[in-house]
Amino acid sequence: MKKKGLLIYLLLLSFGFQVQAQRNMTLKECVEYSLQNHLSNTVYNNEIEIAKQSL
């Protein structure tokens, strides 16, 4: 009985964190976020750093 209550408590607790992690974003914010975090930008920045270290 005690384990069942603990399990329910943990499930509700994890659900609460999941809901708090989400936020509404505008289209402009989505585009800015995607441009900043796009994989090609990361690769490009890494290549720049490698080139600087090679000099």
C-alpha atoms as a PDB file:
ATOM      1  CA  MET A   1       0.000   0.000   0.000  1.00  0.00           C
ATOM      2  CA  LYS A   2       2.805   2.371   0.908  1.00  0.00           C
ATOM      3  CA  LYS A   3       4.685   1.614  -2.328  1.00  0.00           C
ATOM      4  CA  LYS A   4       1.582   2.342  -4.379  1.00  0.00           C
ATOM      5  CA  GLY A   5       1.169   5.754  -2.747  1.00  0.00           C
ATOM      6  CA  LEU A   6       4.831   6.566  -3.342  1.00  0.00           C
ATOM      7  CA  LEU A   7       4.544   5.547  -6.982  1.00  0.00           C
ATOM      8  CA  ILE A   8       1.498   7.766  -7.494  1.00  0.00           C
ATOM      9  CA  TYR A   9       3.277  10.641  -5.769  1.00  0.00           C
ATOM     10  CA  LEU A  10       6.341  10.281  -8.000  1.00  0.00           C
ATOM     11  CA  LEU A  11       4.204  10.127 -11.137  1.00  0.00           C
ATOM     12  CA  LEU A  12       2.337  13.294 -10.175  1.00  0.00           C
ATOM     13  CA  LEU A  13       5.588  15.018  -9.264  1.00  0.00           C
ATOM     14  CA  SER A  14       7.213  14.175 -12.596  1.00  0.00           C
ATOM     15  CA  PHE A  15       4.093  15.315 -14.472  1.00  0.00           C
ATOM     16  CA  GLY A  16       4.279  18.654 -12.674  1.00  0.00           C
ATOM     17  CA  PHE A  17       7.850  19.227 -13.837  1.00  0.00           C
ATOM     18  CA  GLN A  18       6.938  18.304 -17.383  1.00  0.00           C
ATOM     19  CA  VAL A  19       4.168  20.896 -17.540  1.00  0.00           C
ATOM     20  CA  GLN A  20       6.364  23.658 -16.135  1.00  0.00           C
ATOM     21  CA  ALA A  21       9.091  23.074 -18.724  1.00  0.00           C
ATOM     22  CA  GLN A  22       6.859  24.103 -21.626  1.00  0.00           C
ATOM     23  CA  ARG A  23       6.272  27.678 -22.676  1.00  0.00           C
ATOM     24  CA  ASN A  24       4.539  29.401 -25.548  1.00  0.00           C
ATOM     25  CA  MET A  25       6.803  30.860 -28.209  1.00  0.00           C
ATOM     26  CA  THR A  26       6.015  33.260 -31.004  1.00  0.00           C
ATOM     27  CA  LEU A  27       6.948  32.461 -34.572  1.00  0.00           C
ATOM     28  CA  LYS A  28       9.772  35.005 -34.398  1.00  0.00           C
ATOM     29  CA  GLU A  29      11.176  33.364 -31.241  1.00  0.00           C
ATOM     30  CA  CYS A  30      10.981  29.933 -32.895  1.00  0.00           C
ATOM     31  CA  VAL A  31      12.875  31.133 -35.952  1.00  0.00           C
ATOM     32  CA  GLU A  32      15.543  32.850 -33.830  1.00  0.00           C
ATOM     33  CA  TYR A  33      15.934  29.741 -31.672  1.00  0.00           C
ATOM     34  CA  SER A  34      16.267  27.469 -34.678  1.00  0.00           C
ATOM     35  CA  LEU A  35      18.830  29.739 -36.339  1.00  0.00           C
ATOM     36  CA  GLN A  36      20.926  29.885 -33.180  1.00  0.00           C
ATOM     37  CA  ASN A  37      20.764  26.143 -32.492  1.00  0.00           C
ATOM     38  CA  HIS A  38      20.891  24.674 -35.999  1.00  0.00           C
ATOM     39  CA  LEU A  39      23.452  21.895 -36.378  1.00  0.00           C
ATOM     40  CA  SER A  40      25.210  23.539 -39.324  1.00  0.00           C
ATOM     41  CA  ASN A  41      25.908  26.619 -37.183  1.00  0.00           C
ATOM     42  CA  THR A  42      27.498  24.445 -34.525  1.00  0.00           C
ATOM     43  CA  VAL A  43      29.653  22.676 -37.104  1.00  0.00           C
ATOM     44  CA  TYR A  44      30.643  26.004 -38.670  1.00  0.00           C
ATOM     45  CA  ASN A  45      31.630  27.479 -35.288  1.00  0.00           C
ATOM     46  CA  ASN A  46      33.636  24.355 -34.450  1.00  0.00           C
ATOM     47  CA  GLU A  47      35.472  24.577 -37.768  1.00  0.00           C
ATOM     48  CA  ILE A  48      36.347  28.212 -37.046  1.00  0.00           C
ATOM     49  CA  GLU A  49      37.730  27.273 -33.630  1.00  0.00           C
ATOM     50  CA  ILE A  50      39.791  24.432 -35.125  1.00  0.00           C
ATOM     51  CA  ALA A  51      41.195  26.802 -37.763  1.00  0.00           C
ATOM     52  CA  LYS A  52      42.138  29.344 -35.085  1.00  0.00           C
ATOM     53  CA  GLN A  53      43.941  26.671 -33.064  1.00  0.00           C
ATOM     54  CA  SER A  54      45.810  25.457 -36.139  1.00  0.00           C
ATOM     55  CA  LEU A  55      47.416  28.843 -36.722  1.00  0.00           C
END
